[in-house]
Amino acid sequence: MDYIYNYISNKLFASKAAKELMNAVEDVVQNLKYMPRAYRVIKKFPELELEYRRITIRNYVLIYTVSEKEKTIYIVHMYYGGSNYLNRI
């Protein structure tokens, strides 16, 4: 997420847009604690008991997984929506 923020802010010279995106991400992530399974499963690894879920936030995709055992949500990665992010999981 630091890379995305720095890219938008420094390379595209759009610091306001970078801050707004990070605020949108923070809002979505904060809401996950109330409904962690609200978003669609994109890939499941039965041997690991992991389901990866996808959230679209503006032009970006946030990938996360939920650990019932640890009662924790792990943000795995954030990709630009135009990239082939499914092949990276």
PDB file of N, CA and C in Angstrom:
ATOM      1  N   MET A   1       0.821  -1.183   0.000  1.00  0.00           N
ATOM      2  CA  MET A   1       0.000   0.000   0.000  1.00  0.00           C
ATOM      3  C   MET A   1       0.871   1.255   0.000  1.00  0.00           C
ATOM      4  N   ASP A   2       2.034   1.144   0.611  1.00  0.00           N
ATOM      5  CA  ASP A   2       2.962   2.282   0.581  1.00  0.00           C
ATOM      6  C   ASP A   2       3.380   2.591  -0.854  1.00  0.00           C
ATOM      7  N   TYR A   3       3.649   1.523  -1.620  1.00  0.00           N
ATOM      8  CA  TYR A   3       4.056   1.703  -3.007  1.00  0.00           C
ATOM      9  C   TYR A   3       2.955   2.421  -3.798  1.00  0.00           C
ATOM     10  N   ILE A   4       1.734   1.982  -3.619  1.00  0.00           N
ATOM     11  CA  ILE A   4       0.609   2.585  -4.340  1.00  0.00           C
ATOM     12  C   ILE A   4       0.452   4.054  -3.946  1.00  0.00           C
ATOM     13  N   TYR A   5       0.513   4.320  -2.648  1.00  0.00           N
ATOM     14  CA  TYR A   5       0.403   5.704  -2.176  1.00  0.00           C
ATOM     15  C   TYR A   5       1.510   6.573  -2.777  1.00  0.00           C
ATOM     16  N   ASN A   6       2.740   6.081  -2.699  1.00  0.00           N
ATOM     17  CA  ASN A   6       3.876   6.857  -3.224  1.00  0.00           C
ATOM     18  C   ASN A   6       3.784   7.041  -4.735  1.00  0.00           C
ATOM     19  N   TYR A   7       3.339   6.017  -5.432  1.00  0.00           N
ATOM     20  CA  TYR A   7       3.195   6.116  -6.886  1.00  0.00           C
ATOM     21  C   TYR A   7       2.182   7.201  -7.255  1.00  0.00           C
ATOM     22  N   ILE A   8       1.024   7.155  -6.642  1.00  0.00           N
ATOM     23  CA  ILE A   8      -0.013   8.140  -6.964  1.00  0.00           C
ATOM     24  C   ILE A   8       0.434   9.531  -6.547  1.00  0.00           C
ATOM     25  N   SER A   9       1.002   9.630  -5.373  1.00  0.00           N
ATOM     26  CA  SER A   9       1.394  10.930  -4.841  1.00  0.00           C
ATOM     27  C   SER A   9       2.594  11.540  -5.563  1.00  0.00           C
ATOM     28  N   ASN A  10       3.642  10.739  -5.778  1.00  0.00           N
ATOM     29  CA  ASN A  10       4.895  11.267  -6.311  1.00  0.00           C
ATOM     30  C   ASN A  10       5.057  11.151  -7.820  1.00  0.00           C
ATOM     31  N   LYS A  11       4.614  10.046  -8.390  1.00  0.00           N
ATOM     32  CA  LYS A  11       4.763   9.857  -9.844  1.00  0.00           C
ATOM     33  C   LYS A  11       3.638  10.536 -10.620  1.00  0.00           C
ATOM     34  N   LEU A  12       2.426  10.456 -10.076  1.00  0.00           N
ATOM     35  CA  LEU A  12       1.287  11.071 -10.756  1.00  0.00           C
ATOM     36  C   LEU A  12       1.003  12.483 -10.246  1.00  0.00           C
ATOM     37  N   PHE A  13       1.739  12.900  -9.219  1.00  0.00           N
ATOM     38  CA  PHE A  13       1.584  14.225  -8.622  1.00  0.00           C
ATOM     39  C   PHE A  13       0.133  14.476  -8.199  1.00  0.00           C
ATOM     40  N   ALA A  14      -0.448  13.470  -7.552  1.00  0.00           N
ATOM     41  CA  ALA A  14      -1.840  13.560  -7.114  1.00  0.00           C
ATOM     42  C   ALA A  14      -1.936  13.165  -5.641  1.00  0.00           C
ATOM     43  N   SER A  15      -1.328  13.964  -4.784  1.00  0.00           N
ATOM     44  CA  SER A  15      -1.298  13.617  -3.366  1.00  0.00           C
ATOM     45  C   SER A  15      -2.691  13.591  -2.752  1.00  0.00           C
ATOM     46  N   LYS A  16      -3.572  14.455  -3.198  1.00  0.00           N
ATOM     47  CA  LYS A  16      -4.941  14.449  -2.672  1.00  0.00           C
ATOM     48  C   LYS A  16      -5.639  13.132  -3.028  1.00  0.00           C
ATOM     49  N   ALA A  17      -5.482  12.679  -4.257  1.00  0.00           N
ATOM     50  CA  ALA A  17      -6.086  11.411  -4.691  1.00  0.00           C
ATOM     51  C   ALA A  17      -5.496  10.242  -3.906  1.00  0.00           C
ATOM     52  N   ALA A  18      -4.193  10.281  -3.637  1.00  0.00           N
ATOM     53  CA  ALA A  18      -3.542   9.219  -2.867  1.00  0.00           C
ATOM     54  C   ALA A  18      -4.108   9.165  -1.450  1.00  0.00           C
ATOM     55  N   LYS A  19      -4.279  10.306  -0.826  1.00  0.00           N
ATOM     56  CA  LYS A  19      -4.838  10.358   0.531  1.00  0.00           C
ATOM     57  C   LYS A  19      -6.287   9.879   0.544  1.00  0.00           C
ATOM     58  N   GLU A  20      -7.056  10.268  -0.460  1.00  0.00           N
ATOM     59  CA  GLU A  20      -8.453   9.839  -0.535  1.00  0.00           C
ATOM     60  C   GLU A  20      -8.561   8.329  -0.721  1.00  0.00           C
ATOM     61  N   LEU A  21      -7.679   7.764  -1.529  1.00  0.00           N
ATOM     62  CA  LEU A  21      -7.674   6.313  -1.717  1.00  0.00           C
ATOM     63  C   LEU A  21      -7.333   5.607  -0.411  1.00  0.00           C
ATOM     64  N   MET A  22      -6.324   6.068   0.296  1.00  0.00           N
ATOM     65  CA  MET A  22      -5.944   5.440   1.553  1.00  0.00           C
ATOM     66  C   MET A  22      -7.058   5.562   2.596  1.00  0.00           C
ATOM     67  N   ASN A  23      -7.767   6.678   2.594  1.00  0.00           N
ATOM     68  CA  ASN A  23      -8.905   6.832   3.505  1.00  0.00           C
ATOM     69  C   ASN A  23     -10.017   5.849   3.151  1.00  0.00           C
ATOM     70  N   ALA A  24     -10.267   5.657   1.861  1.00  0.00           N
ATOM     71  CA  ALA A  24     -11.280   4.689   1.419  1.00  0.00           C
ATOM     72  C   ALA A  24     -10.881   3.278   1.827  1.00  0.00           C
ATOM     73  N   VAL A  25      -9.605   2.946   1.674  1.00  0.00           N
ATOM     74  CA  VAL A  25      -9.110   1.625   2.075  1.00  0.00           C
ATOM     75  C   VAL A  25      -9.293   1.442   3.577  1.00  0.00           C
ATOM     76  N   GLU A  26      -8.935   2.435   4.347  1.00  0.00           N
ATOM     77  CA  GLU A  26      -9.067   2.346   5.802  1.00  0.00           C
ATOM     78  C   GLU A  26     -10.525   2.133   6.213  1.00  0.00           C
ATOM     79  N   ASP A  27     -11.441   2.841   5.579  1.00  0.00           N
ATOM     80  CA  ASP A  27     -12.865   2.685   5.886  1.00  0.00           C
ATOM     81  C   ASP A  27     -13.336   1.266   5.622  1.00  0.00           C
ATOM     82  N   VAL A  28     -12.960   0.725   4.470  1.00  0.00           N
ATOM     83  CA  VAL A  28     -13.372  -0.642   4.106  1.00  0.00           C
ATOM     84  C   VAL A  28     -12.768  -1.654   5.074  1.00  0.00           C
ATOM     85  N   VAL A  29     -11.498  -1.508   5.378  1.00  0.00           N
ATOM     86  CA  VAL A  29     -10.822  -2.450   6.265  1.00  0.00           C
ATOM     87  C   VAL A  29     -11.434  -2.394   7.673  1.00  0.00           C
ATOM     88  N   GLN A  30     -11.751  -1.221   8.147  1.00  0.00           N
ATOM     89  CA  GLN A  30     -12.381  -1.092   9.468  1.00  0.00           C
ATOM     90  C   GLN A  30     -13.729  -1.810   9.511  1.00  0.00           C
ATOM     91  N   ASN A  31     -14.469  -1.766   8.413  1.00  0.00           N
ATOM     92  CA  ASN A  31     -15.776  -2.429   8.361  1.00  0.00           C
ATOM     93  C   ASN A  31     -15.663  -3.948   8.282  1.00  0.00           C
ATOM     94  N   LEU A  32     -14.511  -4.465   7.894  1.00  0.00           N
ATOM     95  CA  LEU A  32     -14.326  -5.914   7.833  1.00  0.00           C
ATOM     96  C   LEU A  32     -14.497  -6.577   9.198  1.00  0.00           C
ATOM     97  N   LYS A  33     -14.187  -5.872  10.261  1.00  0.00           N
ATOM     98  CA  LYS A  33     -14.309  -6.490  11.583  1.00  0.00           C
ATOM     99  C   LYS A  33     -15.760  -6.813  11.929  1.00  0.00           C
ATOM    100  N   TYR A  34     -16.699  -6.145  11.269  1.00  0.00           N
ATOM    101  CA  TYR A  34     -18.117  -6.420  11.507  1.00  0.00           C
ATOM    102  C   TYR A  34     -18.668  -7.490  10.569  1.00  0.00           C
ATOM    103  N   MET A  35     -18.165  -7.530   9.346  1.00  0.00           N
ATOM    104  CA  MET A  35     -18.637  -8.488   8.351  1.00  0.00           C
ATOM    105  C   MET A  35     -17.458  -8.998   7.516  1.00  0.00           C
ATOM    106  N   PRO A  36     -16.600  -9.834   8.089  1.00  0.00           N
ATOM    107  CA  PRO A  36     -15.390 -10.261   7.377  1.00  0.00           C
ATOM    108  C   PRO A  36     -15.651 -11.124   6.140  1.00  0.00           C
ATOM    109  N   ARG A  37     -16.799 -11.740   6.058  1.00  0.00           N
ATOM    110  CA  ARG A  37     -17.110 -12.597   4.916  1.00  0.00           C
ATOM    111  C   ARG A  37     -18.051 -11.927   3.925  1.00  0.00           C
ATOM    112  N   ALA A  38     -18.114 -10.622   3.965  1.00  0.00           N
ATOM    113  CA  ALA A  38     -19.041  -9.880   3.109  1.00  0.00           C
ATOM    114  C   ALA A  38     -18.639  -9.883   1.634  1.00  0.00           C
ATOM    115  N   TYR A  39     -17.388 -10.147   1.351  1.00  0.00           N
ATOM    116  CA  TYR A  39     -16.902 -10.056  -0.019  1.00  0.00           C
ATOM    117  C   TYR A  39     -16.687 -11.444  -0.622  1.00  0.00           C
ATOM    118  N   ARG A  40     -16.698 -11.488  -1.927  1.00  0.00           N
ATOM    119  CA  ARG A  40     -16.660 -12.725  -2.698  1.00  0.00           C
ATOM    120  C   ARG A  40     -15.341 -13.497  -2.551  1.00  0.00           C
ATOM    121  N   VAL A  41     -15.450 -14.818  -2.431  1.00  0.00           N
ATOM    122  CA  VAL A  41     -14.274 -15.701  -2.410  1.00  0.00           C
ATOM    123  C   VAL A  41     -13.733 -15.783  -3.831  1.00  0.00           C
ATOM    124  N   ILE A  42     -12.412 -15.630  -3.981  1.00  0.00           N
ATOM    125  CA  ILE A  42     -11.813 -15.730  -5.310  1.00  0.00           C
ATOM    126  C   ILE A  42     -10.959 -16.978  -5.485  1.00  0.00           C
ATOM    127  N   LYS A  43     -10.428 -17.502  -4.401  1.00  0.00           N
ATOM    128  CA  LYS A  43      -9.607 -18.695  -4.501  1.00  0.00           C
ATOM    129  C   LYS A  43      -9.570 -19.386  -3.146  1.00  0.00           C
ATOM    130  N   LYS A  44      -9.657 -20.701  -3.170  1.00  0.00           N
ATOM    131  CA  LYS A  44      -9.641 -21.449  -1.920  1.00  0.00           C
ATOM    132  C   LYS A  44      -8.551 -22.501  -1.974  1.00  0.00           C
ATOM    133  N   PHE A  45      -7.833 -22.645  -0.870  1.00  0.00           N
ATOM    134  CA  PHE A  45      -6.805 -23.661  -0.725  1.00  0.00           C
ATOM    135  C   PHE A  45      -7.234 -24.590   0.407  1.00  0.00           C
ATOM    136  N   PRO A  46      -7.961 -25.673   0.079  1.00  0.00           N
ATOM    137  CA  PRO A  46      -8.511 -26.553   1.115  1.00  0.00           C
ATOM    138  C   PRO A  46      -7.460 -27.129   2.058  1.00  0.00           C
ATOM    139  N   GLU A  47      -6.278 -27.433   1.533  1.00  0.00           N
ATOM    140  CA  GLU A  47      -5.240 -28.005   2.389  1.00  0.00           C
ATOM    141  C   GLU A  47      -4.771 -27.023   3.462  1.00  0.00           C
ATOM    142  N   LEU A  48      -4.955 -25.750   3.228  1.00  0.00           N
ATOM    143  CA  LEU A  48      -4.577 -24.717   4.195  1.00  0.00           C
ATOM    144  C   LEU A  48      -5.783 -24.123   4.904  1.00  0.00           C
ATOM    145  N   GLU A  49      -6.964 -24.533   4.484  1.00  0.00           N
ATOM    146  CA  GLU A  49      -8.222 -23.992   5.002  1.00  0.00           C
ATOM    147  C   GLU A  49      -8.291 -22.474   4.833  1.00  0.00           C
ATOM    148  N   LEU A  50      -7.755 -21.986   3.726  1.00  0.00           N
ATOM    149  CA  LEU A  50      -7.772 -20.552   3.458  1.00  0.00           C
ATOM    150  C   LEU A  50      -8.694 -20.227   2.290  1.00  0.00           C
ATOM    151  N   GLU A  51      -9.451 -19.164   2.450  1.00  0.00           N
ATOM    152  CA  GLU A  51     -10.238 -18.594   1.361  1.00  0.00           C
ATOM    153  C   GLU A  51      -9.734 -17.176   1.161  1.00  0.00           C
ATOM    154  N   TYR A  52      -9.431 -16.844  -0.062  1.00  0.00           N
ATOM    155  CA  TYR A  52      -9.041 -15.474  -0.354  1.00  0.00           C
ATOM    156  C   TYR A  52     -10.250 -14.731  -0.877  1.00  0.00           C
ATOM    157  N   ARG A  53     -10.423 -13.517  -0.414  1.00  0.00           N
ATOM    158  CA  ARG A  53     -11.553 -12.686  -0.807  1.00  0.00           C
ATOM    159  C   ARG A  53     -11.057 -11.402  -1.436  1.00  0.00           C
ATOM    160  N   ARG A  54     -11.927 -10.806  -2.253  1.00  0.00           N
ATOM    161  CA  ARG A  54     -11.546  -9.626  -3.033  1.00  0.00           C
ATOM    162  C   ARG A  54     -12.481  -8.462  -2.725  1.00  0.00           C
ATOM    163  N   ILE A  55     -11.875  -7.308  -2.529  1.00  0.00           N
ATOM    164  CA  ILE A  55     -12.622  -6.067  -2.351  1.00  0.00           C
ATOM    165  C   ILE A  55     -12.147  -5.098  -3.430  1.00  0.00           C
ATOM    166  N   THR A  56     -13.067  -4.516  -4.151  1.00  0.00           N
ATOM    167  CA  THR A  56     -12.707  -3.494  -5.133  1.00  0.00           C
ATOM    168  C   THR A  56     -12.896  -2.126  -4.490  1.00  0.00           C
ATOM    169  N   ILE A  57     -11.834  -1.347  -4.518  1.00  0.00           N
ATOM    170  CA  ILE A  57     -11.850   0.016  -3.968  1.00  0.00           C
ATOM    171  C   ILE A  57     -11.309   0.933  -5.050  1.00  0.00           C
ATOM    172  N   ARG A  58     -12.208   1.661  -5.661  1.00  0.00           N
ATOM    173  CA  ARG A  58     -11.876   2.517  -6.806  1.00  0.00           C
ATOM    174  C   ARG A  58     -11.217   1.686  -7.892  1.00  0.00           C
ATOM    175  N   ASN A  59      -9.996   1.968  -8.275  1.00  0.00           N
ATOM    176  CA  ASN A  59      -9.310   1.214  -9.335  1.00  0.00           C
ATOM    177  C   ASN A  59      -8.405   0.121  -8.780  1.00  0.00           C
ATOM    178  N   TYR A  60      -8.555  -0.210  -7.516  1.00  0.00           N
ATOM    179  CA  TYR A  60      -7.666  -1.161  -6.870  1.00  0.00           C
ATOM    180  C   TYR A  60      -8.435  -2.344  -6.294  1.00  0.00           C
ATOM    181  N   VAL A  61      -7.724  -3.436  -6.126  1.00  0.00           N
ATOM    182  CA  VAL A  61      -8.305  -4.657  -5.578  1.00  0.00           C
ATOM    183  C   VAL A  61      -7.497  -5.036  -4.346  1.00  0.00           C
ATOM    184  N   LEU A  62      -8.201  -5.223  -3.244  1.00  0.00           N
ATOM    185  CA  LEU A  62      -7.588  -5.636  -1.991  1.00  0.00           C
ATOM    186  C   LEU A  62      -7.895  -7.124  -1.790  1.00  0.00           C
ATOM    187  N   ILE A  63      -6.863  -7.927  -1.548  1.00  0.00           N
ATOM    188  CA  ILE A  63      -7.016  -9.360  -1.325  1.00  0.00           C
ATOM    189  C   ILE A  63      -6.783  -9.621   0.160  1.00  0.00           C
ATOM    190  N   TYR A  64      -7.718 -10.383   0.765  1.00  0.00           N
ATOM    191  CA  TYR A  64      -7.571 -10.683   2.187  1.00  0.00           C
ATOM    192  C   TYR A  64      -8.061 -12.093   2.488  1.00  0.00           C
ATOM    193  N   THR A  65      -7.713 -12.580   3.668  1.00  0.00           N
ATOM    194  CA  THR A  65      -8.181 -13.873   4.144  1.00  0.00           C
ATOM    195  C   THR A  65      -8.540 -13.733   5.617  1.00  0.00           C
ATOM    196  N   VAL A  66      -9.420 -14.620   6.072  1.00  0.00           N
ATOM    197  CA  VAL A  66      -9.893 -14.583   7.448  1.00  0.00           C
ATOM    198  C   VAL A  66      -9.459 -15.861   8.150  1.00  0.00           C
ATOM    199  N   SER A  67      -8.860 -15.709   9.315  1.00  0.00           N
ATOM    200  CA  SER A  67      -8.486 -16.859  10.137  1.00  0.00           C
ATOM    201  C   SER A  67      -9.481 -16.955  11.289  1.00  0.00           C
ATOM    202  N   GLU A  68     -10.351 -17.962  11.211  1.00  0.00           N
ATOM    203  CA  GLU A  68     -11.314 -18.187  12.293  1.00  0.00           C
ATOM    204  C   GLU A  68     -10.586 -18.580  13.579  1.00  0.00           C
ATOM    205  N   LYS A  69      -9.580 -19.406  13.414  1.00  0.00           N
ATOM    206  CA  LYS A  69      -8.821 -19.906  14.566  1.00  0.00           C
ATOM    207  C   LYS A  69      -8.206 -18.752  15.361  1.00  0.00           C
ATOM    208  N   GLU A  70      -7.607 -17.816  14.644  1.00  0.00           N
ATOM    209  CA  GLU A  70      -6.937 -16.685  15.293  1.00  0.00           C
ATOM    210  C   GLU A  70      -7.836 -15.461  15.434  1.00  0.00           C
ATOM    211  N   LYS A  71      -9.034 -15.550  14.847  1.00  0.00           N
ATOM    212  CA  LYS A  71      -9.967 -14.425  14.833  1.00  0.00           C
ATOM    213  C   LYS A  71      -9.276 -13.155  14.325  1.00  0.00           C
ATOM    214  N   THR A  72      -8.620 -13.341  13.163  1.00  0.00           N
ATOM    215  CA  THR A  72      -7.820 -12.273  12.574  1.00  0.00           C
ATOM    216  C   THR A  72      -8.093 -12.181  11.076  1.00  0.00           C
ATOM    217  N   ILE A  73      -8.066 -10.972  10.564  1.00  0.00           N
ATOM    218  CA  ILE A  73      -8.184 -10.725   9.125  1.00  0.00           C
ATOM    219  C   ILE A  73      -6.802 -10.321   8.637  1.00  0.00           C
ATOM    220  N   TYR A  74      -6.328 -11.014   7.601  1.00  0.00           N
ATOM    221  CA  TYR A  74      -5.021 -10.704   7.029  1.00  0.00           C
ATOM    222  C   TYR A  74      -5.201 -10.064   5.668  1.00  0.00           C
ATOM    223  N   ILE A  75      -4.658  -8.870   5.502  1.00  0.00           N
ATOM    224  CA  ILE A  75      -4.627  -8.220   4.203  1.00  0.00           C
ATOM    225  C   ILE A  75      -3.419  -8.802   3.484  1.00  0.00           C
ATOM    226  N   VAL A  76      -3.672  -9.492   2.387  1.00  0.00           N
ATOM    227  CA  VAL A  76      -2.604 -10.190   1.682  1.00  0.00           C
ATOM    228  C   VAL A  76      -1.887  -9.259   0.716  1.00  0.00           C
ATOM    229  N   HIS A  77      -2.660  -8.529  -0.064  1.00  0.00           N
ATOM    230  CA  HIS A  77      -2.041  -7.646  -1.053  1.00  0.00           C
ATOM    231  C   HIS A  77      -3.073  -6.673  -1.588  1.00  0.00           C
ATOM    232  N   MET A  78      -2.567  -5.628  -2.220  1.00  0.00           N
ATOM    233  CA  MET A  78      -3.408  -4.657  -2.900  1.00  0.00           C
ATOM    234  C   MET A  78      -2.821  -4.437  -4.285  1.00  0.00           C
ATOM    235  N   TYR A  79      -3.646  -4.616  -5.313  1.00  0.00           N
ATOM    236  CA  TYR A  79      -3.194  -4.524  -6.700  1.00  0.00           C
ATOM    237  C   TYR A  79      -3.997  -3.480  -7.458  1.00  0.00           C
ATOM    238  N   TYR A  80      -3.374  -2.949  -8.482  1.00  0.00           N
ATOM    239  CA  TYR A  80      -4.109  -2.118  -9.435  1.00  0.00           C
ATOM    240  C   TYR A  80      -5.085  -3.034 -10.165  1.00  0.00           C
ATOM    241  N   GLY A  81      -6.333  -2.630 -10.286  1.00  0.00           N
ATOM    242  CA  GLY A  81      -7.375  -3.458 -10.886  1.00  0.00           C
ATOM    243  C   GLY A  81      -7.123  -3.851 -12.319  1.00  0.00           C
ATOM    244  N   GLY A  82      -6.328  -3.088 -13.045  1.00  0.00           N
ATOM    245  CA  GLY A  82      -6.027  -3.395 -14.431  1.00  0.00           C
ATOM    246  C   GLY A  82      -4.959  -4.465 -14.600  1.00  0.00           C
ATOM    247  N   SER A  83      -4.338  -4.882 -13.496  1.00  0.00           N
ATOM    248  CA  SER A  83      -3.295  -5.921 -13.585  1.00  0.00           C
ATOM    249  C   SER A  83      -3.926  -7.304 -13.485  1.00  0.00           C
ATOM    250  N   ASN A  84      -3.163  -8.316 -13.797  1.00  0.00           N
ATOM    251  CA  ASN A  84      -3.653  -9.698 -13.733  1.00  0.00           C
ATOM    252  C   ASN A  84      -3.364 -10.246 -12.344  1.00  0.00           C
ATOM    253  N   TYR A  85      -4.045  -9.695 -11.339  1.00  0.00           N
ATOM    254  CA  TYR A  85      -3.746 -10.007  -9.945  1.00  0.00           C
ATOM    255  C   TYR A  85      -4.088 -11.438  -9.548  1.00  0.00           C
ATOM    256  N   LEU A  86      -5.054 -12.078 -10.196  1.00  0.00           N
ATOM    257  CA  LEU A  86      -5.442 -13.442  -9.812  1.00  0.00           C
ATOM    258  C   LEU A  86      -4.320 -14.455 -10.024  1.00  0.00           C
ATOM    259  N   ASN A  87      -3.442 -14.201 -10.958  1.00  0.00           N
ATOM    260  CA  ASN A  87      -2.333 -15.125 -11.202  1.00  0.00           C
ATOM    261  C   ASN A  87      -1.199 -14.947 -10.199  1.00  0.00           C
ATOM    262  N   ARG A  88      -1.290 -13.960  -9.337  1.00  0.00           N
ATOM    263  CA  ARG A  88      -0.235 -13.706  -8.363  1.00  0.00           C
ATOM    264  C   ARG A  88      -0.508 -14.343  -7.005  1.00  0.00           C
ATOM    265  N   ILE A  89      -1.706 -14.825  -6.796  1.00  0.00           N
ATOM    266  CA  ILE A  89      -2.056 -15.411  -5.498  1.00  0.00           C
ATOM    267  C   ILE A  89      -1.503 -16.812  -5.412  1.00  0.00           C
TER     268      ILE A  89
END
